[in-house]
Amino acid sequence: MVRPAEAAGTRWDEIDLEEQTWTIPPERMKGRKNPNLRKEKRVPHVVPLSQQAVSILSAMQPISQHREYVFPARSKPREPINSSTANVTIKRLGFDGYTDEDGKQGSLTAHGLRSTASTACNEAGFPGHVVEAALAHLDVSSIAGTYNHAKHLEQRRTMMQWWSNLIEEAATGKKPKIAGNKLKIVSNR
């Protein structure tokens, strides 16, 4: 549920596989690198890692752990992959365009998947403030945003595992149905 540029620039020193967390420093976060932002809002974003994310990172260790970036660029391995790599991959896989139930056409992007995740998690009944925390949305304009520094880490850990399970089940060709924090799988055949 992170932004594509944050994912592309993941560094090994941000990953703690033992704690199953990824800590993105404020200078890599949208909005948080702004020097005009109040100091208390310039904090790292801690991402709880699902079992599936830990498996992917473990698979990447022998490939790139000797480098700075988890996902190094193919032609320049001392640099991270480009933030548009995910969009190019989506397009090459043939998932770039779609038509919804109402006949409206749209395009699928890596950043747009944040909206998909937010919608799915909200419809599944996860609290909105937990979903917003996972998206690293800052509420700098309200009193609540000024005083509330809660990370909701354990609730987000549960939600991220639920989201990863949903993606994994959908990848098997089954059609997931969302029902109040419970994942019901039905065959699409």
N, C-alpha and C. Protein backbone atom coordinates (compact mmCIF):
# COMPACT_ATOMS: atom_id res chain seq x y z
N MET A 1 0.81 -1.20 0.00
CA MET A 1 0.00 0.00 0.00
C MET A 1 0.86 1.26 0.00
N VAL A 2 2.18 1.10 -0.19
CA VAL A 2 3.07 2.26 -0.25
C VAL A 2 3.08 2.82 -1.67
N ARG A 3 3.61 4.00 -1.82
CA ARG A 3 3.71 4.63 -3.14
C ARG A 3 4.78 3.90 -3.97
N PRO A 4 4.60 3.86 -5.31
CA PRO A 4 5.56 3.14 -6.16
C PRO A 4 7.01 3.59 -5.98
N ALA A 5 7.25 4.89 -5.83
CA ALA A 5 8.63 5.38 -5.67
C ALA A 5 9.23 4.89 -4.36
N GLU A 6 8.41 4.80 -3.31
CA GLU A 6 8.90 4.30 -2.03
C GLU A 6 9.27 2.82 -2.15
N ALA A 7 8.45 2.06 -2.84
CA ALA A 7 8.73 0.63 -3.02
C ALA A 7 9.97 0.42 -3.88
N ALA A 8 10.08 1.17 -4.98
CA ALA A 8 11.22 1.01 -5.88
C ALA A 8 12.54 1.33 -5.17
N GLY A 9 12.51 2.31 -4.27
CA GLY A 9 13.74 2.74 -3.60
C GLY A 9 14.02 2.03 -2.28
N THR A 10 13.37 0.91 -2.03
CA THR A 10 13.57 0.19 -0.77
C THR A 10 15.04 -0.17 -0.58
N ARG A 11 15.56 0.16 0.61
CA ARG A 11 16.95 -0.15 0.95
C ARG A 11 16.98 -1.27 1.98
N TRP A 12 18.01 -2.06 1.93
CA TRP A 12 18.15 -3.16 2.88
C TRP A 12 18.22 -2.65 4.32
N ASP A 13 18.82 -1.47 4.54
CA ASP A 13 18.93 -0.98 5.92
C ASP A 13 17.59 -0.50 6.48
N GLU A 14 16.55 -0.47 5.65
CA GLU A 14 15.20 -0.11 6.10
C GLU A 14 14.39 -1.35 6.53
N ILE A 15 14.90 -2.53 6.19
CA ILE A 15 14.17 -3.78 6.41
C ILE A 15 14.65 -4.46 7.69
N ASP A 16 13.69 -4.88 8.51
CA ASP A 16 14.00 -5.69 9.69
C ASP A 16 13.17 -6.97 9.57
N LEU A 17 13.79 -8.02 9.05
CA LEU A 17 13.07 -9.27 8.83
C LEU A 17 12.69 -9.95 10.14
N GLU A 18 13.50 -9.74 11.17
CA GLU A 18 13.18 -10.35 12.47
C GLU A 18 11.90 -9.74 13.05
N GLU A 19 11.79 -8.42 12.99
CA GLU A 19 10.60 -7.73 13.49
C GLU A 19 9.48 -7.68 12.45
N GLN A 20 9.81 -8.08 11.23
CA GLN A 20 8.89 -8.05 10.09
C GLN A 20 8.32 -6.64 9.87
N THR A 21 9.27 -5.69 9.78
CA THR A 21 8.90 -4.30 9.51
C THR A 21 9.82 -3.69 8.46
N TRP A 22 9.30 -2.68 7.83
CA TRP A 22 10.05 -1.88 6.86
C TRP A 22 9.86 -0.44 7.31
N THR A 23 10.94 0.25 7.61
CA THR A 23 10.86 1.62 8.10
C THR A 23 11.37 2.56 7.02
N ILE A 24 10.45 3.31 6.45
CA ILE A 24 10.78 4.25 5.38
C ILE A 24 11.11 5.60 6.02
N PRO A 25 12.32 6.12 5.81
CA PRO A 25 12.69 7.40 6.42
C PRO A 25 11.88 8.56 5.84
N PRO A 26 11.66 9.61 6.63
CA PRO A 26 10.82 10.72 6.18
C PRO A 26 11.29 11.38 4.89
N GLU A 27 12.60 11.38 4.67
CA GLU A 27 13.10 12.04 3.45
C GLU A 27 12.70 11.29 2.17
N ARG A 28 12.21 10.06 2.31
CA ARG A 28 11.74 9.31 1.13
C ARG A 28 10.21 9.31 1.02
N MET A 29 9.54 9.98 1.95
CA MET A 29 8.08 9.98 1.98
C MET A 29 7.52 11.26 1.37
N LYS A 30 6.46 11.10 0.61
CA LYS A 30 5.78 12.27 0.04
C LYS A 30 5.31 13.18 1.17
N GLY A 31 5.60 14.45 1.05
CA GLY A 31 5.15 15.42 2.02
C GLY A 31 6.01 15.52 3.26
N ARG A 32 6.55 14.40 3.72
CA ARG A 32 7.28 14.43 4.99
C ARG A 32 8.68 15.00 4.86
N LYS A 33 9.17 15.12 3.62
CA LYS A 33 10.50 15.70 3.44
C LYS A 33 10.43 17.23 3.39
N ASN A 34 9.22 17.78 3.39
CA ASN A 34 9.00 19.22 3.35
C ASN A 34 9.54 19.87 4.62
N PRO A 35 10.53 20.77 4.50
CA PRO A 35 11.10 21.40 5.71
C PRO A 35 10.09 22.29 6.43
N ASN A 36 9.04 22.72 5.74
CA ASN A 36 8.02 23.57 6.37
C ASN A 36 7.03 22.76 7.20
N LEU A 37 7.06 21.44 7.05
CA LEU A 37 6.17 20.57 7.82
C LEU A 37 6.66 20.53 9.26
N ARG A 38 5.74 20.61 10.20
CA ARG A 38 6.12 20.57 11.61
C ARG A 38 7.00 19.36 11.88
N LYS A 39 7.99 19.55 12.72
CA LYS A 39 8.99 18.52 13.00
C LYS A 39 8.37 17.20 13.44
N GLU A 40 7.31 17.24 14.27
CA GLU A 40 6.70 16.00 14.76
C GLU A 40 6.02 15.22 13.65
N LYS A 41 5.75 15.85 12.52
CA LYS A 41 5.13 15.15 11.39
C LYS A 41 6.17 14.51 10.47
N ARG A 42 7.44 14.91 10.62
CA ARG A 42 8.51 14.34 9.80
C ARG A 42 9.08 13.10 10.48
N VAL A 43 8.26 12.07 10.53
CA VAL A 43 8.66 10.82 11.18
C VAL A 43 8.70 9.71 10.15
N PRO A 44 9.46 8.66 10.42
CA PRO A 44 9.48 7.53 9.49
C PRO A 44 8.12 6.85 9.42
N HIS A 45 7.88 6.16 8.34
CA HIS A 45 6.66 5.38 8.17
C HIS A 45 7.03 3.91 8.36
N VAL A 46 6.48 3.29 9.39
CA VAL A 46 6.75 1.89 9.66
C VAL A 46 5.68 1.05 8.98
N VAL A 47 6.13 0.13 8.14
CA VAL A 47 5.23 -0.75 7.40
C VAL A 47 5.35 -2.16 7.96
N PRO A 48 4.26 -2.70 8.52
CA PRO A 48 4.31 -4.10 8.96
C PRO A 48 4.32 -5.01 7.73
N LEU A 49 5.18 -6.00 7.75
CA LEU A 49 5.33 -6.88 6.58
C LEU A 49 4.52 -8.16 6.76
N SER A 50 3.77 -8.51 5.74
CA SER A 50 3.02 -9.76 5.75
C SER A 50 3.99 -10.93 5.53
N GLN A 51 3.49 -12.13 5.73
CA GLN A 51 4.30 -13.32 5.49
C GLN A 51 4.76 -13.36 4.04
N GLN A 52 3.88 -12.97 3.12
CA GLN A 52 4.22 -12.98 1.69
C GLN A 52 5.32 -11.96 1.39
N ALA A 53 5.26 -10.79 2.01
CA ALA A 53 6.30 -9.78 1.79
C ALA A 53 7.64 -10.26 2.33
N VAL A 54 7.62 -10.89 3.49
CA VAL A 54 8.85 -11.43 4.07
C VAL A 54 9.43 -12.50 3.14
N SER A 55 8.57 -13.32 2.55
CA SER A 55 9.05 -14.36 1.61
C SER A 55 9.72 -13.73 0.39
N ILE A 56 9.13 -12.68 -0.14
CA ILE A 56 9.72 -11.99 -1.30
C ILE A 56 11.07 -11.39 -0.92
N LEU A 57 11.13 -10.74 0.22
CA LEU A 57 12.40 -10.14 0.66
C LEU A 57 13.45 -11.22 0.92
N SER A 58 13.05 -12.33 1.49
CA SER A 58 13.99 -13.44 1.72
C SER A 58 14.52 -13.99 0.39
N ALA A 59 13.65 -14.04 -0.61
CA ALA A 59 14.08 -14.50 -1.93
C ALA A 59 15.04 -13.51 -2.59
N MET A 60 14.89 -12.22 -2.26
CA MET A 60 15.77 -11.19 -2.83
C MET A 60 17.13 -11.13 -2.15
N GLN A 61 17.25 -11.65 -0.94
CA GLN A 61 18.51 -11.55 -0.20
C GLN A 61 19.71 -12.08 -0.98
N PRO A 62 19.67 -13.29 -1.52
CA PRO A 62 20.86 -13.75 -2.24
C PRO A 62 21.13 -12.97 -3.54
N ILE A 63 20.13 -12.28 -4.03
CA ILE A 63 20.27 -11.52 -5.28
C ILE A 63 20.85 -10.14 -5.03
N SER A 64 20.38 -9.47 -3.96
CA SER A 64 20.76 -8.06 -3.82
C SER A 64 21.20 -7.61 -2.43
N GLN A 65 21.27 -8.51 -1.46
CA GLN A 65 21.59 -8.05 -0.12
C GLN A 65 22.98 -7.41 -0.02
N HIS A 66 23.86 -7.75 -0.94
CA HIS A 66 25.19 -7.14 -0.95
C HIS A 66 25.17 -5.73 -1.54
N ARG A 67 24.01 -5.30 -1.98
CA ARG A 67 23.83 -3.97 -2.56
C ARG A 67 23.03 -3.10 -1.59
N GLU A 68 22.92 -1.82 -1.89
CA GLU A 68 22.15 -0.90 -1.05
C GLU A 68 20.65 -1.13 -1.21
N TYR A 69 20.23 -1.36 -2.46
CA TYR A 69 18.79 -1.44 -2.75
C TYR A 69 18.30 -2.88 -2.85
N VAL A 70 17.10 -3.11 -2.35
CA VAL A 70 16.49 -4.43 -2.43
C VAL A 70 16.22 -4.79 -3.88
N PHE A 71 15.76 -3.81 -4.65
CA PHE A 71 15.44 -4.02 -6.07
C PHE A 71 16.34 -3.14 -6.93
N PRO A 72 17.59 -3.61 -7.19
CA PRO A 72 18.52 -2.81 -7.98
C PRO A 72 18.14 -2.78 -9.46
N ALA A 73 18.51 -1.69 -10.10
CA ALA A 73 18.28 -1.58 -11.54
C ALA A 73 19.15 -2.59 -12.27
N ARG A 74 18.62 -3.14 -13.36
CA ARG A 74 19.35 -4.16 -14.11
C ARG A 74 20.61 -3.59 -14.75
N SER A 75 20.51 -2.42 -15.37
CA SER A 75 21.66 -1.87 -16.07
C SER A 75 22.59 -1.06 -15.16
N LYS A 76 22.06 -0.56 -14.04
CA LYS A 76 22.87 0.19 -13.08
C LYS A 76 22.57 -0.35 -11.69
N PRO A 77 23.16 -1.47 -11.30
CA PRO A 77 22.80 -2.14 -10.06
C PRO A 77 23.12 -1.38 -8.76
N ARG A 78 23.82 -0.27 -8.87
CA ARG A 78 24.07 0.55 -7.68
C ARG A 78 22.93 1.55 -7.46
N GLU A 79 21.97 1.54 -8.36
CA GLU A 79 20.79 2.41 -8.26
C GLU A 79 19.55 1.53 -8.14
N PRO A 80 18.45 2.12 -7.61
CA PRO A 80 17.22 1.32 -7.51
C PRO A 80 16.52 1.24 -8.86
N ILE A 81 15.59 0.29 -8.97
CA ILE A 81 14.78 0.24 -10.18
C ILE A 81 14.01 1.55 -10.30
N ASN A 82 13.59 1.85 -11.49
CA ASN A 82 12.82 3.06 -11.73
C ASN A 82 11.43 2.91 -11.13
N SER A 83 10.87 3.99 -10.62
CA SER A 83 9.54 3.93 -10.01
C SER A 83 8.45 3.59 -11.02
N SER A 84 8.74 3.73 -12.30
CA SER A 84 7.75 3.38 -13.32
C SER A 84 7.85 1.91 -13.76
N THR A 85 8.81 1.16 -13.20
CA THR A 85 8.99 -0.24 -13.57
C THR A 85 7.71 -1.05 -13.35
N ALA A 86 7.04 -0.80 -12.24
CA ALA A 86 5.79 -1.53 -11.96
C ALA A 86 4.73 -1.24 -13.02
N ASN A 87 4.63 0.02 -13.45
CA ASN A 87 3.65 0.36 -14.49
C ASN A 87 3.97 -0.32 -15.82
N VAL A 88 5.25 -0.36 -16.16
CA VAL A 88 5.67 -1.03 -17.39
C VAL A 88 5.34 -2.51 -17.31
N THR A 89 5.58 -3.11 -16.16
CA THR A 89 5.27 -4.54 -15.96
C THR A 89 3.78 -4.80 -16.08
N ILE A 90 2.98 -3.96 -15.45
CA ILE A 90 1.51 -4.09 -15.54
C ILE A 90 1.07 -4.06 -17.00
N LYS A 91 1.62 -3.13 -17.76
CA LYS A 91 1.26 -3.00 -19.18
C LYS A 91 1.70 -4.22 -19.98
N ARG A 92 2.93 -4.69 -19.74
CA ARG A 92 3.43 -5.86 -20.47
C ARG A 92 2.63 -7.12 -20.17
N LEU A 93 2.08 -7.19 -18.97
CA LEU A 93 1.25 -8.33 -18.60
C LEU A 93 -0.17 -8.23 -19.15
N GLY A 94 -0.47 -7.09 -19.78
CA GLY A 94 -1.77 -6.91 -20.39
C GLY A 94 -2.86 -6.42 -19.45
N PHE A 95 -2.48 -5.90 -18.28
CA PHE A 95 -3.45 -5.43 -17.32
C PHE A 95 -3.56 -3.91 -17.27
N ASP A 96 -3.15 -3.24 -18.33
CA ASP A 96 -3.12 -1.78 -18.27
C ASP A 96 -4.50 -1.14 -18.47
N GLY A 97 -5.39 -1.78 -19.17
CA GLY A 97 -6.70 -1.20 -19.40
C GLY A 97 -7.80 -2.12 -18.93
N TYR A 98 -8.93 -1.54 -18.57
CA TYR A 98 -10.06 -2.34 -18.13
C TYR A 98 -11.36 -1.61 -18.42
N THR A 99 -12.44 -2.35 -18.38
CA THR A 99 -13.78 -1.79 -18.48
C THR A 99 -14.54 -2.28 -17.26
N ASP A 100 -15.12 -1.34 -16.50
CA ASP A 100 -15.84 -1.74 -15.29
C ASP A 100 -17.26 -2.19 -15.61
N GLU A 101 -18.01 -2.54 -14.57
CA GLU A 101 -19.37 -3.08 -14.74
C GLU A 101 -20.30 -2.11 -15.44
N ASP A 102 -20.02 -0.82 -15.33
CA ASP A 102 -20.86 0.21 -15.96
C ASP A 102 -20.39 0.58 -17.36
N GLY A 103 -19.38 -0.14 -17.86
CA GLY A 103 -18.87 0.13 -19.19
C GLY A 103 -17.83 1.24 -19.24
N LYS A 104 -17.47 1.77 -18.10
CA LYS A 104 -16.47 2.84 -18.05
C LYS A 104 -15.08 2.24 -18.20
N GLN A 105 -14.28 2.85 -19.07
CA GLN A 105 -12.92 2.36 -19.30
C GLN A 105 -11.94 3.11 -18.40
N GLY A 106 -10.91 2.41 -18.01
CA GLY A 106 -9.88 3.01 -17.17
C GLY A 106 -8.56 2.31 -17.38
N SER A 107 -7.55 2.78 -16.65
CA SER A 107 -6.24 2.15 -16.75
C SER A 107 -5.77 1.77 -15.36
N LEU A 108 -5.01 0.71 -15.31
CA LEU A 108 -4.47 0.22 -14.05
C LEU A 108 -3.03 0.71 -13.92
N THR A 109 -2.74 1.31 -12.77
CA THR A 109 -1.39 1.78 -12.50
C THR A 109 -0.96 1.29 -11.12
N ALA A 110 0.33 1.28 -10.89
CA ALA A 110 0.84 0.87 -9.58
C ALA A 110 0.30 1.79 -8.49
N HIS A 111 0.28 3.08 -8.73
CA HIS A 111 -0.24 4.01 -7.73
C HIS A 111 -1.74 3.81 -7.53
N GLY A 112 -2.46 3.47 -8.58
CA GLY A 112 -3.89 3.22 -8.49
C GLY A 112 -4.22 2.01 -7.63
N LEU A 113 -3.27 1.09 -7.49
CA LEU A 113 -3.50 -0.07 -6.63
C LEU A 113 -3.63 0.33 -5.17
N ARG A 114 -3.11 1.50 -4.80
CA ARG A 114 -3.33 2.03 -3.44
C ARG A 114 -4.81 2.28 -3.21
N SER A 115 -5.47 2.80 -4.22
CA SER A 115 -6.91 3.04 -4.13
C SER A 115 -7.67 1.72 -4.01
N THR A 116 -7.24 0.74 -4.80
CA THR A 116 -7.85 -0.60 -4.73
C THR A 116 -7.70 -1.18 -3.34
N ALA A 117 -6.51 -1.08 -2.77
CA ALA A 117 -6.25 -1.60 -1.43
C ALA A 117 -7.09 -0.87 -0.40
N SER A 118 -7.15 0.45 -0.50
CA SER A 118 -7.94 1.24 0.44
C SER A 118 -9.41 0.84 0.38
N THR A 119 -9.94 0.73 -0.82
CA THR A 119 -11.35 0.35 -0.99
C THR A 119 -11.61 -1.03 -0.42
N ALA A 120 -10.77 -1.99 -0.75
CA ALA A 120 -10.96 -3.36 -0.26
C ALA A 120 -10.90 -3.41 1.27
N CYS A 121 -9.92 -2.74 1.85
CA CYS A 121 -9.78 -2.77 3.31
C CYS A 121 -10.93 -2.06 4.01
N ASN A 122 -11.37 -0.93 3.45
CA ASN A 122 -12.52 -0.23 4.03
C ASN A 122 -13.79 -1.07 3.91
N GLU A 123 -14.00 -1.69 2.74
CA GLU A 123 -15.19 -2.52 2.55
C GLU A 123 -15.16 -3.77 3.43
N ALA A 124 -13.97 -4.23 3.77
CA ALA A 124 -13.83 -5.41 4.63
C ALA A 124 -14.07 -5.06 6.10
N GLY A 125 -14.21 -3.78 6.39
CA GLY A 125 -14.53 -3.37 7.75
C GLY A 125 -13.35 -2.93 8.60
N PHE A 126 -12.17 -2.79 8.01
CA PHE A 126 -11.04 -2.28 8.78
C PHE A 126 -11.31 -0.80 9.06
N PRO A 127 -10.96 -0.32 10.25
CA PRO A 127 -11.22 1.09 10.59
C PRO A 127 -10.52 2.04 9.63
N GLY A 128 -11.22 3.09 9.24
CA GLY A 128 -10.68 4.06 8.29
C GLY A 128 -9.36 4.66 8.72
N HIS A 129 -9.20 4.94 10.02
CA HIS A 129 -7.95 5.54 10.49
C HIS A 129 -6.78 4.57 10.36
N VAL A 130 -7.06 3.27 10.41
CA VAL A 130 -6.01 2.25 10.24
C VAL A 130 -5.61 2.19 8.77
N VAL A 131 -6.60 2.24 7.88
CA VAL A 131 -6.33 2.24 6.43
C VAL A 131 -5.52 3.48 6.06
N GLU A 132 -5.93 4.63 6.58
CA GLU A 132 -5.20 5.88 6.28
C GLU A 132 -3.77 5.83 6.82
N ALA A 133 -3.59 5.23 7.98
CA ALA A 133 -2.23 5.09 8.53
C ALA A 133 -1.37 4.20 7.63
N ALA A 134 -1.98 3.14 7.08
CA ALA A 134 -1.24 2.25 6.19
C ALA A 134 -0.84 2.97 4.90
N LEU A 135 -1.69 3.89 4.45
CA LEU A 135 -1.41 4.66 3.24
C LEU A 135 -0.44 5.81 3.51
N ALA A 136 -0.07 6.01 4.77
CA ALA A 136 0.83 7.10 5.19
C ALA A 136 0.25 8.46 4.86
N HIS A 137 -1.07 8.58 4.99
CA HIS A 137 -1.71 9.88 4.80
C HIS A 137 -1.60 10.67 6.09
N LEU A 138 -1.11 11.89 5.98
CA LEU A 138 -0.97 12.77 7.13
C LEU A 138 -2.15 13.71 7.20
N ASP A 139 -2.70 13.88 8.38
CA ASP A 139 -3.77 14.84 8.61
C ASP A 139 -3.16 16.03 9.32
N VAL A 140 -2.58 16.94 8.54
CA VAL A 140 -1.88 18.07 9.14
C VAL A 140 -2.80 19.26 9.35
N SER A 141 -4.03 19.18 8.86
CA SER A 141 -4.92 20.32 8.94
C SER A 141 -5.89 20.28 10.11
N SER A 142 -5.98 19.15 10.81
CA SER A 142 -6.95 19.05 11.89
C SER A 142 -6.27 18.99 13.25
N ILE A 143 -7.05 19.27 14.27
CA ILE A 143 -6.55 19.16 15.63
C ILE A 143 -6.17 17.71 15.93
N ALA A 144 -7.02 16.77 15.50
CA ALA A 144 -6.72 15.36 15.73
C ALA A 144 -5.40 14.98 15.08
N GLY A 145 -5.15 15.48 13.88
CA GLY A 145 -3.90 15.19 13.19
C GLY A 145 -2.70 15.80 13.90
N THR A 146 -2.91 16.90 14.59
CA THR A 146 -1.83 17.55 15.32
C THR A 146 -1.42 16.75 16.54
N TYR A 147 -2.40 16.17 17.23
CA TYR A 147 -2.12 15.49 18.49
C TYR A 147 -2.01 13.98 18.40
N ASN A 148 -2.58 13.40 17.38
CA ASN A 148 -2.61 11.94 17.28
C ASN A 148 -1.40 11.44 16.50
N HIS A 149 -0.52 10.73 17.19
CA HIS A 149 0.68 10.18 16.54
C HIS A 149 0.66 8.65 16.55
N ALA A 150 -0.52 8.09 16.76
CA ALA A 150 -0.65 6.63 16.81
C ALA A 150 -0.30 6.01 15.46
N LYS A 151 0.38 4.87 15.50
CA LYS A 151 0.77 4.17 14.27
C LYS A 151 -0.17 3.01 13.97
N HIS A 152 -0.93 2.53 14.97
CA HIS A 152 -1.86 1.41 14.80
C HIS A 152 -1.15 0.21 14.18
N LEU A 153 0.06 -0.06 14.64
CA LEU A 153 0.91 -1.07 14.01
C LEU A 153 0.30 -2.47 14.04
N GLU A 154 -0.22 -2.91 15.17
CA GLU A 154 -0.76 -4.27 15.23
C GLU A 154 -2.03 -4.42 14.40
N GLN A 155 -2.88 -3.40 14.40
CA GLN A 155 -4.07 -3.45 13.54
C GLN A 155 -3.66 -3.45 12.07
N ARG A 156 -2.64 -2.66 11.74
CA ARG A 156 -2.15 -2.63 10.36
C ARG A 156 -1.50 -3.95 9.98
N ARG A 157 -0.83 -4.60 10.93
CA ARG A 157 -0.20 -5.91 10.65
C ARG A 157 -1.28 -6.91 10.26
N THR A 158 -2.38 -6.93 11.01
CA THR A 158 -3.50 -7.82 10.69
C THR A 158 -4.08 -7.49 9.32
N MET A 159 -4.26 -6.21 9.05
CA MET A 159 -4.83 -5.77 7.78
C MET A 159 -3.90 -6.11 6.61
N MET A 160 -2.60 -5.90 6.78
CA MET A 160 -1.66 -6.19 5.69
C MET A 160 -1.60 -7.68 5.39
N GLN A 161 -1.71 -8.50 6.43
CA GLN A 161 -1.75 -9.95 6.19
C GLN A 161 -3.02 -10.32 5.45
N TRP A 162 -4.13 -9.71 5.84
CA TRP A 162 -5.41 -9.96 5.16
C TRP A 162 -5.30 -9.55 3.69
N TRP A 163 -4.73 -8.37 3.42
CA TRP A 163 -4.59 -7.86 2.06
C TRP A 163 -3.68 -8.78 1.24
N SER A 164 -2.58 -9.24 1.80
CA SER A 164 -1.68 -10.15 1.08
C SER A 164 -2.37 -11.47 0.78
N ASN A 165 -3.16 -11.97 1.72
CA ASN A 165 -3.91 -13.20 1.48
C ASN A 165 -4.91 -13.00 0.34
N LEU A 166 -5.56 -11.85 0.31
CA LEU A 166 -6.53 -11.54 -0.74
C LEU A 166 -5.84 -11.55 -2.11
N ILE A 167 -4.69 -10.91 -2.20
CA ILE A 167 -3.94 -10.86 -3.46
C ILE A 167 -3.50 -12.27 -3.86
N GLU A 168 -2.99 -13.02 -2.92
CA GLU A 168 -2.52 -14.37 -3.21
C GLU A 168 -3.66 -15.25 -3.73
N GLU A 169 -4.82 -15.17 -3.10
CA GLU A 169 -5.97 -15.96 -3.54
C GLU A 169 -6.43 -15.52 -4.93
N ALA A 170 -6.45 -14.22 -5.18
CA ALA A 170 -6.84 -13.72 -6.50
C ALA A 170 -5.86 -14.18 -7.57
N ALA A 171 -4.58 -14.28 -7.22
CA ALA A 171 -3.55 -14.71 -8.17
C ALA A 171 -3.71 -16.17 -8.57
N THR A 172 -4.41 -16.94 -7.76
CA THR A 172 -4.61 -18.36 -8.09
C THR A 172 -5.76 -18.56 -9.08
N GLY A 173 -6.41 -17.46 -9.46
CA GLY A 173 -7.51 -17.56 -10.40
C GLY A 173 -8.86 -17.65 -9.73
N LYS A 174 -8.87 -17.60 -8.41
CA LYS A 174 -10.14 -17.60 -7.70
C LYS A 174 -10.62 -16.17 -7.56
N LYS A 175 -11.91 -16.01 -7.47
CA LYS A 175 -12.48 -14.67 -7.34
C LYS A 175 -12.77 -14.41 -5.86
N PRO A 176 -11.99 -13.49 -5.25
CA PRO A 176 -12.20 -13.23 -3.83
C PRO A 176 -13.46 -12.41 -3.59
N LYS A 177 -14.16 -12.69 -2.52
CA LYS A 177 -15.28 -11.88 -2.08
C LYS A 177 -14.94 -11.36 -0.70
N ILE A 178 -15.21 -10.09 -0.50
CA ILE A 178 -14.90 -9.45 0.76
C ILE A 178 -16.14 -9.49 1.63
N ALA A 179 -15.98 -9.98 2.85
CA ALA A 179 -17.10 -10.03 3.79
C ALA A 179 -16.59 -9.76 5.19
N GLY A 180 -16.61 -8.49 5.60
CA GLY A 180 -16.29 -8.09 6.96
C GLY A 180 -15.06 -8.71 7.59
N ASN A 181 -13.88 -8.38 7.12
CA ASN A 181 -12.60 -8.87 7.63
C ASN A 181 -12.40 -10.36 7.39
N LYS A 182 -13.33 -10.99 6.70
CA LYS A 182 -13.17 -12.41 6.39
C LYS A 182 -13.11 -12.54 4.89
N LEU A 183 -12.23 -13.36 4.43
CA LEU A 183 -12.04 -13.56 3.01
C LEU A 183 -12.78 -14.81 2.60
N LYS A 184 -13.74 -14.64 1.70
CA LYS A 184 -14.47 -15.78 1.19
C LYS A 184 -14.05 -15.97 -0.27
N ILE A 185 -13.58 -17.16 -0.61
CA ILE A 185 -13.11 -17.43 -1.96
C ILE A 185 -14.15 -18.25 -2.70
N VAL A 186 -14.45 -17.81 -3.92
CA VAL A 186 -15.34 -18.58 -4.78
C VAL A 186 -14.63 -18.76 -6.12
N SER A 187 -14.85 -19.86 -6.76
CA SER A 187 -14.23 -20.11 -8.05
C SER A 187 -14.86 -19.20 -9.08
N ASN A 188 -14.07 -18.70 -10.02
CA ASN A 188 -14.62 -17.85 -11.07
C ASN A 188 -15.01 -18.67 -12.29
N ARG A 189 -15.05 -19.97 -12.14
CA ARG A 189 -15.42 -20.84 -13.26
C ARG A 189 -16.89 -21.15 -13.24
